[in-house]
Amino acid sequence: MHSLQTRWLIAIEGVLLTLWVGALWTSGYLVAPLLFATLDDRQLAGQIAGHVFQIVNYIGIVIGSFLLISVAINSRNRLAKEWRIWALVVMLLLILVATFVIQPMMEELKLQGIAKGTLNAAQFGRLHGIASIMFLINSVLGLLLVVKGLRRTKD
């Protein structure tokens, strides 16, 4: 039986995870497509979507770091064997790469200009594709964590 303090921590972790993963799914599969479907200016839609993703990434860095530390502390001797911890690590790494490597590279290409058919446009497309795959992986891992929980139910 878990102590009251442990139950509260598990509840807080669950709420934070749900907020993070909900933000991922809402931004990527609702907001971004809606922006591109409703705005005539694709560049403006991309700028707004980029800002939304940046905010969601920062939320993910903060919440994911807290969750990783919390779950790691409470998993002690099962760290290497616990898939949930590895899922959080992968999610955080993907967010860090997206935020501090991919997005700045995409911004630089935008500043240089990404006219259709140019080398910059092709490079931007590749980076966007990589970012999309990374986002999909994060979305699926996050959904798995929400469904299965951050902790084993039987310790």
N, C-alpha and C. Protein backbone atom coordinates (compact mmCIF):
# COMPACT_ATOMS: atom_id res chain seq x y z
N MET A 1 0.84 -1.19 0.00
CA MET A 1 0.00 0.00 0.00
C MET A 1 0.88 1.24 0.00
N HIS A 2 0.59 2.14 -0.90
CA HIS A 2 1.36 3.37 -0.98
C HIS A 2 0.93 4.34 0.12
N SER A 3 1.89 5.08 0.63
CA SER A 3 1.57 6.11 1.61
C SER A 3 0.80 7.24 0.93
N LEU A 4 0.17 8.06 1.71
CA LEU A 4 -0.59 9.19 1.18
C LEU A 4 0.30 10.12 0.38
N GLN A 5 1.52 10.36 0.89
CA GLN A 5 2.47 11.23 0.19
C GLN A 5 2.83 10.64 -1.18
N THR A 6 3.06 9.35 -1.24
CA THR A 6 3.39 8.69 -2.50
C THR A 6 2.22 8.75 -3.47
N ARG A 7 1.01 8.54 -2.96
CA ARG A 7 -0.18 8.63 -3.83
C ARG A 7 -0.34 10.03 -4.41
N TRP A 8 -0.08 11.06 -3.61
CA TRP A 8 -0.15 12.43 -4.10
C TRP A 8 0.89 12.67 -5.19
N LEU A 9 2.11 12.18 -4.96
CA LEU A 9 3.18 12.35 -5.95
C LEU A 9 2.81 11.66 -7.26
N ILE A 10 2.27 10.45 -7.17
CA ILE A 10 1.85 9.72 -8.36
C ILE A 10 0.75 10.48 -9.09
N ALA A 11 -0.19 11.06 -8.33
CA ALA A 11 -1.27 11.84 -8.93
C ALA A 11 -0.73 13.09 -9.63
N ILE A 12 0.19 13.78 -8.98
CA ILE A 12 0.79 14.98 -9.58
C ILE A 12 1.55 14.61 -10.85
N GLU A 13 2.32 13.52 -10.79
CA GLU A 13 3.04 13.06 -11.98
C GLU A 13 2.07 12.77 -13.12
N GLY A 14 0.96 12.12 -12.80
CA GLY A 14 -0.03 11.78 -13.83
C GLY A 14 -0.65 13.02 -14.46
N VAL A 15 -0.96 14.00 -13.64
CA VAL A 15 -1.54 15.24 -14.16
C VAL A 15 -0.53 15.96 -15.05
N LEU A 16 0.72 16.08 -14.59
CA LEU A 16 1.75 16.76 -15.38
C LEU A 16 2.01 16.04 -16.70
N LEU A 17 2.11 14.72 -16.64
CA LEU A 17 2.31 13.94 -17.87
C LEU A 17 1.16 14.16 -18.84
N THR A 18 -0.06 14.13 -18.32
CA THR A 18 -1.24 14.32 -19.17
C THR A 18 -1.25 15.72 -19.78
N LEU A 19 -0.88 16.74 -19.01
CA LEU A 19 -0.81 18.10 -19.55
C LEU A 19 0.22 18.19 -20.67
N TRP A 20 1.39 17.61 -20.44
CA TRP A 20 2.46 17.64 -21.44
C TRP A 20 2.05 16.92 -22.72
N VAL A 21 1.59 15.69 -22.57
CA VAL A 21 1.23 14.89 -23.74
C VAL A 21 -0.01 15.49 -24.43
N GLY A 22 -0.93 16.02 -23.63
CA GLY A 22 -2.09 16.70 -24.22
C GLY A 22 -1.67 17.90 -25.05
N ALA A 23 -0.69 18.64 -24.54
CA ALA A 23 -0.17 19.80 -25.30
C ALA A 23 0.49 19.33 -26.60
N LEU A 24 1.22 18.22 -26.53
CA LEU A 24 1.84 17.67 -27.74
C LEU A 24 0.79 17.34 -28.79
N TRP A 25 -0.19 16.55 -28.38
CA TRP A 25 -1.21 16.11 -29.32
C TRP A 25 -2.06 17.28 -29.83
N THR A 26 -2.39 18.20 -28.95
CA THR A 26 -3.22 19.34 -29.36
C THR A 26 -2.48 20.23 -30.35
N SER A 27 -1.22 20.54 -30.04
CA SER A 27 -0.47 21.42 -30.92
C SER A 27 -0.16 20.77 -32.27
N GLY A 28 0.24 19.52 -32.24
CA GLY A 28 0.68 18.86 -33.46
C GLY A 28 -0.41 18.32 -34.35
N TYR A 29 -1.51 17.90 -33.75
CA TYR A 29 -2.53 17.22 -34.54
C TYR A 29 -3.84 17.98 -34.62
N LEU A 30 -3.90 19.14 -33.95
CA LEU A 30 -5.09 19.97 -34.02
C LEU A 30 -4.74 21.40 -34.43
N VAL A 31 -3.89 22.06 -33.63
CA VAL A 31 -3.59 23.47 -33.88
C VAL A 31 -2.83 23.68 -35.19
N ALA A 32 -1.73 22.99 -35.39
CA ALA A 32 -0.93 23.20 -36.60
C ALA A 32 -1.73 22.90 -37.88
N PRO A 33 -2.40 21.76 -37.98
CA PRO A 33 -3.18 21.53 -39.19
C PRO A 33 -4.29 22.58 -39.38
N LEU A 34 -4.90 23.01 -38.29
CA LEU A 34 -5.95 24.02 -38.37
C LEU A 34 -5.40 25.35 -38.87
N LEU A 35 -4.22 25.72 -38.40
CA LEU A 35 -3.59 26.96 -38.88
C LEU A 35 -3.36 26.92 -40.38
N PHE A 36 -2.81 25.81 -40.87
CA PHE A 36 -2.52 25.70 -42.30
C PHE A 36 -3.80 25.57 -43.15
N ALA A 37 -4.86 25.03 -42.55
CA ALA A 37 -6.12 24.88 -43.28
C ALA A 37 -6.91 26.17 -43.33
N THR A 38 -6.75 27.04 -42.35
CA THR A 38 -7.58 28.24 -42.30
C THR A 38 -6.88 29.53 -42.71
N LEU A 39 -5.57 29.60 -42.57
CA LEU A 39 -4.86 30.82 -42.94
C LEU A 39 -4.40 30.74 -44.40
N ASP A 40 -4.63 31.80 -45.14
CA ASP A 40 -4.18 31.83 -46.54
C ASP A 40 -2.67 31.98 -46.65
N ASP A 41 -2.08 32.62 -45.67
CA ASP A 41 -0.64 32.88 -45.67
C ASP A 41 0.08 31.71 -44.98
N ARG A 42 0.67 30.82 -45.77
CA ARG A 42 1.34 29.63 -45.21
C ARG A 42 2.54 30.02 -44.34
N GLN A 43 3.20 31.12 -44.70
CA GLN A 43 4.34 31.58 -43.91
C GLN A 43 3.88 32.01 -42.52
N LEU A 44 2.77 32.72 -42.45
CA LEU A 44 2.22 33.13 -41.16
C LEU A 44 1.78 31.91 -40.35
N ALA A 45 1.12 30.97 -41.02
CA ALA A 45 0.70 29.73 -40.34
C ALA A 45 1.92 29.00 -39.77
N GLY A 46 2.99 28.95 -40.54
CA GLY A 46 4.22 28.30 -40.08
C GLY A 46 4.85 29.03 -38.90
N GLN A 47 4.82 30.36 -38.95
CA GLN A 47 5.38 31.13 -37.84
C GLN A 47 4.60 30.90 -36.56
N ILE A 48 3.28 30.93 -36.65
CA ILE A 48 2.46 30.71 -35.46
C ILE A 48 2.66 29.29 -34.94
N ALA A 49 2.63 28.32 -35.85
CA ALA A 49 2.83 26.92 -35.45
C ALA A 49 4.21 26.75 -34.79
N GLY A 50 5.22 27.40 -35.35
CA GLY A 50 6.56 27.33 -34.77
C GLY A 50 6.59 27.86 -33.34
N HIS A 51 5.89 28.96 -33.11
CA HIS A 51 5.83 29.52 -31.75
C HIS A 51 5.09 28.57 -30.80
N VAL A 52 4.01 27.99 -31.29
CA VAL A 52 3.26 27.03 -30.46
C VAL A 52 4.16 25.84 -30.11
N PHE A 53 4.86 25.30 -31.09
CA PHE A 53 5.73 24.16 -30.83
C PHE A 53 6.86 24.52 -29.87
N GLN A 54 7.38 25.73 -30.00
CA GLN A 54 8.44 26.17 -29.10
C GLN A 54 7.95 26.22 -27.66
N ILE A 55 6.75 26.74 -27.44
CA ILE A 55 6.18 26.79 -26.09
C ILE A 55 5.96 25.37 -25.57
N VAL A 56 5.41 24.50 -26.41
CA VAL A 56 5.17 23.11 -26.00
C VAL A 56 6.49 22.41 -25.69
N ASN A 57 7.54 22.72 -26.44
CA ASN A 57 8.86 22.13 -26.17
C ASN A 57 9.40 22.57 -24.81
N TYR A 58 9.25 23.85 -24.50
CA TYR A 58 9.71 24.33 -23.19
C TYR A 58 8.90 23.70 -22.05
N ILE A 59 7.60 23.56 -22.27
CA ILE A 59 6.77 22.87 -21.28
C ILE A 59 7.28 21.44 -21.11
N GLY A 60 7.60 20.78 -22.22
CA GLY A 60 8.10 19.41 -22.17
C GLY A 60 9.44 19.30 -21.47
N ILE A 61 10.30 20.28 -21.66
CA ILE A 61 11.61 20.25 -21.00
C ILE A 61 11.43 20.35 -19.49
N VAL A 62 10.57 21.25 -19.05
CA VAL A 62 10.35 21.45 -17.60
C VAL A 62 9.64 20.23 -17.00
N ILE A 63 8.50 19.87 -17.57
CA ILE A 63 7.73 18.75 -17.01
C ILE A 63 8.49 17.44 -17.17
N GLY A 64 9.06 17.21 -18.34
CA GLY A 64 9.80 15.97 -18.57
C GLY A 64 10.97 15.80 -17.63
N SER A 65 11.69 16.89 -17.35
CA SER A 65 12.82 16.82 -16.42
C SER A 65 12.33 16.47 -15.02
N PHE A 66 11.26 17.13 -14.58
CA PHE A 66 10.70 16.82 -13.26
C PHE A 66 10.27 15.35 -13.19
N LEU A 67 9.54 14.90 -14.21
CA LEU A 67 9.06 13.51 -14.20
C LEU A 67 10.21 12.51 -14.22
N LEU A 68 11.23 12.79 -15.02
CA LEU A 68 12.37 11.88 -15.10
C LEU A 68 13.06 11.78 -13.75
N ILE A 69 13.29 12.89 -13.11
CA ILE A 69 13.94 12.88 -11.79
C ILE A 69 13.06 12.14 -10.78
N SER A 70 11.78 12.45 -10.77
CA SER A 70 10.86 11.82 -9.82
C SER A 70 10.78 10.31 -10.01
N VAL A 71 10.60 9.89 -11.25
CA VAL A 71 10.48 8.45 -11.52
C VAL A 71 11.81 7.74 -11.26
N ALA A 72 12.92 8.38 -11.62
CA ALA A 72 14.24 7.77 -11.39
C ALA A 72 14.50 7.58 -9.90
N ILE A 73 14.17 8.59 -9.10
CA ILE A 73 14.37 8.48 -7.64
C ILE A 73 13.54 7.34 -7.07
N ASN A 74 12.34 7.19 -7.58
CA ASN A 74 11.44 6.18 -7.04
C ASN A 74 11.59 4.81 -7.68
N SER A 75 12.44 4.68 -8.69
CA SER A 75 12.67 3.39 -9.32
C SER A 75 13.99 2.77 -8.90
N ARG A 76 14.78 3.52 -8.19
CA ARG A 76 16.10 3.15 -7.67
C ARG A 76 16.80 2.02 -8.40
N ASN A 77 16.60 0.80 -7.96
CA ASN A 77 17.39 -0.32 -8.48
C ASN A 77 16.88 -0.87 -9.81
N ARG A 78 15.82 -0.30 -10.36
CA ARG A 78 15.28 -0.78 -11.64
C ARG A 78 15.55 0.19 -12.78
N LEU A 79 16.41 1.17 -12.56
CA LEU A 79 16.63 2.23 -13.55
C LEU A 79 16.89 1.70 -14.95
N ALA A 80 17.86 0.83 -15.08
CA ALA A 80 18.26 0.35 -16.41
C ALA A 80 17.19 -0.53 -17.05
N LYS A 81 16.34 -1.17 -16.24
CA LYS A 81 15.35 -2.09 -16.77
C LYS A 81 13.99 -1.44 -17.03
N GLU A 82 13.78 -0.27 -16.54
CA GLU A 82 12.46 0.35 -16.59
C GLU A 82 12.24 1.11 -17.90
N TRP A 83 11.40 0.60 -18.78
CA TRP A 83 11.16 1.22 -20.08
C TRP A 83 10.59 2.62 -19.96
N ARG A 84 9.84 2.86 -18.88
CA ARG A 84 9.23 4.19 -18.70
C ARG A 84 10.30 5.27 -18.57
N ILE A 85 11.35 4.95 -17.86
CA ILE A 85 12.45 5.90 -17.69
C ILE A 85 13.12 6.15 -19.04
N TRP A 86 13.35 5.07 -19.79
CA TRP A 86 13.97 5.23 -21.10
C TRP A 86 13.08 6.02 -22.05
N ALA A 87 11.76 5.83 -21.94
CA ALA A 87 10.83 6.59 -22.77
C ALA A 87 10.95 8.09 -22.45
N LEU A 88 11.00 8.42 -21.16
CA LEU A 88 11.17 9.83 -20.76
C LEU A 88 12.50 10.39 -21.25
N VAL A 89 13.56 9.59 -21.14
CA VAL A 89 14.88 10.04 -21.60
C VAL A 89 14.85 10.33 -23.11
N VAL A 90 14.27 9.43 -23.88
CA VAL A 90 14.18 9.61 -25.33
C VAL A 90 13.34 10.85 -25.65
N MET A 91 12.21 11.00 -24.97
CA MET A 91 11.36 12.16 -25.21
C MET A 91 12.11 13.45 -24.93
N LEU A 92 12.81 13.51 -23.81
CA LEU A 92 13.56 14.72 -23.47
C LEU A 92 14.67 14.99 -24.48
N LEU A 93 15.39 13.96 -24.85
CA LEU A 93 16.46 14.14 -25.85
C LEU A 93 15.91 14.66 -27.17
N LEU A 94 14.80 14.10 -27.60
CA LEU A 94 14.20 14.56 -28.85
C LEU A 94 13.76 16.02 -28.76
N ILE A 95 13.19 16.39 -27.63
CA ILE A 95 12.77 17.79 -27.44
C ILE A 95 13.98 18.71 -27.43
N LEU A 96 15.03 18.31 -26.75
CA LEU A 96 16.24 19.15 -26.69
C LEU A 96 16.85 19.32 -28.08
N VAL A 97 16.92 18.25 -28.84
CA VAL A 97 17.47 18.34 -30.20
C VAL A 97 16.57 19.21 -31.07
N ALA A 98 15.26 19.02 -30.96
CA ALA A 98 14.33 19.83 -31.76
C ALA A 98 14.45 21.31 -31.41
N THR A 99 14.51 21.60 -30.12
CA THR A 99 14.51 22.99 -29.65
C THR A 99 15.82 23.71 -29.91
N PHE A 100 16.92 23.02 -29.67
CA PHE A 100 18.21 23.71 -29.69
C PHE A 100 19.09 23.38 -30.90
N VAL A 101 18.63 22.47 -31.76
CA VAL A 101 19.39 22.14 -32.98
C VAL A 101 18.52 22.35 -34.22
N ILE A 102 17.44 21.60 -34.33
CA ILE A 102 16.62 21.62 -35.54
C ILE A 102 15.94 22.98 -35.75
N GLN A 103 15.24 23.47 -34.72
CA GLN A 103 14.52 24.74 -34.89
C GLN A 103 15.44 25.90 -35.23
N PRO A 104 16.60 26.06 -34.56
CA PRO A 104 17.49 27.15 -34.96
C PRO A 104 17.99 27.01 -36.41
N MET A 105 18.23 25.79 -36.85
CA MET A 105 18.66 25.58 -38.24
C MET A 105 17.54 25.98 -39.21
N MET A 106 16.31 25.65 -38.86
CA MET A 106 15.18 26.01 -39.70
C MET A 106 14.99 27.53 -39.72
N GLU A 107 15.15 28.16 -38.58
CA GLU A 107 15.03 29.63 -38.51
C GLU A 107 16.09 30.31 -39.36
N GLU A 108 17.30 29.78 -39.32
CA GLU A 108 18.39 30.35 -40.13
C GLU A 108 18.07 30.24 -41.62
N LEU A 109 17.53 29.09 -42.03
CA LEU A 109 17.15 28.93 -43.43
C LEU A 109 16.03 29.91 -43.82
N LYS A 110 15.09 30.12 -42.92
CA LYS A 110 14.01 31.08 -43.20
C LYS A 110 14.58 32.48 -43.40
N LEU A 111 15.54 32.85 -42.56
CA LEU A 111 16.16 34.18 -42.68
C LEU A 111 16.89 34.33 -44.02
N GLN A 112 17.51 33.24 -44.47
CA GLN A 112 18.22 33.27 -45.75
C GLN A 112 17.25 33.26 -46.94
N GLY A 113 16.06 32.79 -46.69
CA GLY A 113 15.06 32.69 -47.75
C GLY A 113 14.93 31.27 -48.22
N ILE A 114 13.68 30.81 -48.32
CA ILE A 114 13.45 29.42 -48.74
C ILE A 114 12.49 29.39 -49.93
N ALA A 115 12.89 30.08 -50.99
CA ALA A 115 12.08 30.10 -52.22
C ALA A 115 11.95 28.68 -52.79
N LYS A 116 10.79 28.41 -53.31
CA LYS A 116 10.49 27.08 -53.86
C LYS A 116 11.54 26.67 -54.90
N GLY A 117 12.00 25.43 -54.77
CA GLY A 117 12.96 24.89 -55.72
C GLY A 117 14.42 25.17 -55.40
N THR A 118 14.69 25.91 -54.34
CA THR A 118 16.08 26.23 -53.99
C THR A 118 16.66 25.16 -53.05
N LEU A 119 17.97 25.23 -52.92
CA LEU A 119 18.67 24.32 -52.01
C LEU A 119 18.19 24.54 -50.57
N ASN A 120 17.98 25.80 -50.20
CA ASN A 120 17.48 26.10 -48.85
C ASN A 120 16.10 25.48 -48.61
N ALA A 121 15.26 25.53 -49.63
CA ALA A 121 13.92 24.94 -49.50
C ALA A 121 14.02 23.42 -49.31
N ALA A 122 14.92 22.80 -50.04
CA ALA A 122 15.11 21.35 -49.90
C ALA A 122 15.63 21.01 -48.51
N GLN A 123 16.61 21.80 -48.03
CA GLN A 123 17.17 21.57 -46.69
C GLN A 123 16.10 21.80 -45.63
N PHE A 124 15.29 22.85 -45.80
CA PHE A 124 14.20 23.13 -44.86
C PHE A 124 13.23 21.95 -44.83
N GLY A 125 12.90 21.43 -46.00
CA GLY A 125 12.00 20.29 -46.08
C GLY A 125 12.54 19.07 -45.35
N ARG A 126 13.85 18.82 -45.51
CA ARG A 126 14.47 17.68 -44.80
C ARG A 126 14.40 17.89 -43.30
N LEU A 127 14.74 19.09 -42.84
CA LEU A 127 14.70 19.38 -41.40
C LEU A 127 13.27 19.28 -40.87
N HIS A 128 12.32 19.77 -41.64
CA HIS A 128 10.92 19.69 -41.23
C HIS A 128 10.49 18.22 -41.12
N GLY A 129 10.94 17.41 -42.07
CA GLY A 129 10.63 15.98 -42.03
C GLY A 129 11.22 15.31 -40.80
N ILE A 130 12.46 15.63 -40.48
CA ILE A 130 13.11 15.08 -39.28
C ILE A 130 12.36 15.52 -38.04
N ALA A 131 12.02 16.81 -37.98
CA ALA A 131 11.29 17.32 -36.82
C ALA A 131 9.92 16.63 -36.69
N SER A 132 9.27 16.37 -37.81
CA SER A 132 7.96 15.70 -37.79
C SER A 132 8.07 14.28 -37.27
N ILE A 133 9.10 13.57 -37.69
CA ILE A 133 9.31 12.20 -37.22
C ILE A 133 9.61 12.20 -35.71
N MET A 134 10.45 13.13 -35.30
CA MET A 134 10.77 13.24 -33.87
C MET A 134 9.50 13.55 -33.07
N PHE A 135 8.66 14.43 -33.59
CA PHE A 135 7.41 14.79 -32.93
C PHE A 135 6.49 13.57 -32.83
N LEU A 136 6.40 12.80 -33.91
CA LEU A 136 5.56 11.60 -33.91
C LEU A 136 6.04 10.61 -32.86
N ILE A 137 7.35 10.40 -32.78
CA ILE A 137 7.91 9.48 -31.78
C ILE A 137 7.54 9.97 -30.38
N ASN A 138 7.72 11.26 -30.12
CA ASN A 138 7.37 11.81 -28.81
C ASN A 138 5.88 11.64 -28.51
N SER A 139 5.04 11.88 -29.49
CA SER A 139 3.60 11.75 -29.30
C SER A 139 3.22 10.33 -28.91
N VAL A 140 3.79 9.36 -29.61
CA VAL A 140 3.46 7.95 -29.35
C VAL A 140 4.03 7.52 -27.99
N LEU A 141 5.29 7.88 -27.71
CA LEU A 141 5.86 7.53 -26.40
C LEU A 141 5.05 8.17 -25.27
N GLY A 142 4.68 9.43 -25.44
CA GLY A 142 3.88 10.11 -24.43
C GLY A 142 2.54 9.43 -24.22
N LEU A 143 1.88 9.05 -25.31
CA LEU A 143 0.60 8.36 -25.21
C LEU A 143 0.76 7.03 -24.47
N LEU A 144 1.81 6.29 -24.79
CA LEU A 144 2.08 5.03 -24.08
C LEU A 144 2.25 5.26 -22.58
N LEU A 145 2.97 6.31 -22.24
CA LEU A 145 3.18 6.61 -20.81
C LEU A 145 1.88 7.01 -20.13
N VAL A 146 1.03 7.76 -20.82
CA VAL A 146 -0.26 8.12 -20.23
C VAL A 146 -1.11 6.87 -20.01
N VAL A 147 -1.15 6.00 -21.01
CA VAL A 147 -1.97 4.80 -20.93
C VAL A 147 -1.44 3.82 -19.87
N LYS A 148 -0.13 3.59 -19.87
CA LYS A 148 0.47 2.59 -18.96
C LYS A 148 0.82 3.17 -17.59
N GLY A 149 0.95 4.47 -17.48
CA GLY A 149 1.36 5.10 -16.23
C GLY A 149 2.87 5.21 -16.16
N LEU A 150 3.33 6.13 -15.34
CA LEU A 150 4.77 6.35 -15.20
C LEU A 150 5.45 5.32 -14.33
N ARG A 151 4.66 4.65 -13.54
CA ARG A 151 5.23 3.66 -12.60
C ARG A 151 4.56 2.32 -12.77
N ARG A 152 5.28 1.30 -12.42
CA ARG A 152 4.68 -0.04 -12.39
C ARG A 152 3.57 -0.05 -11.35
N THR A 153 2.50 -0.75 -11.64
CA THR A 153 1.41 -0.81 -10.68
C THR A 153 1.69 -1.83 -9.58
N LYS A 154 2.56 -2.78 -9.85
CA LYS A 154 2.91 -3.79 -8.83
C LYS A 154 4.38 -3.68 -8.54
N ASP A 155 4.76 -3.16 -7.38
CA ASP A 155 6.17 -3.02 -7.01
C ASP A 155 6.63 -4.19 -6.19
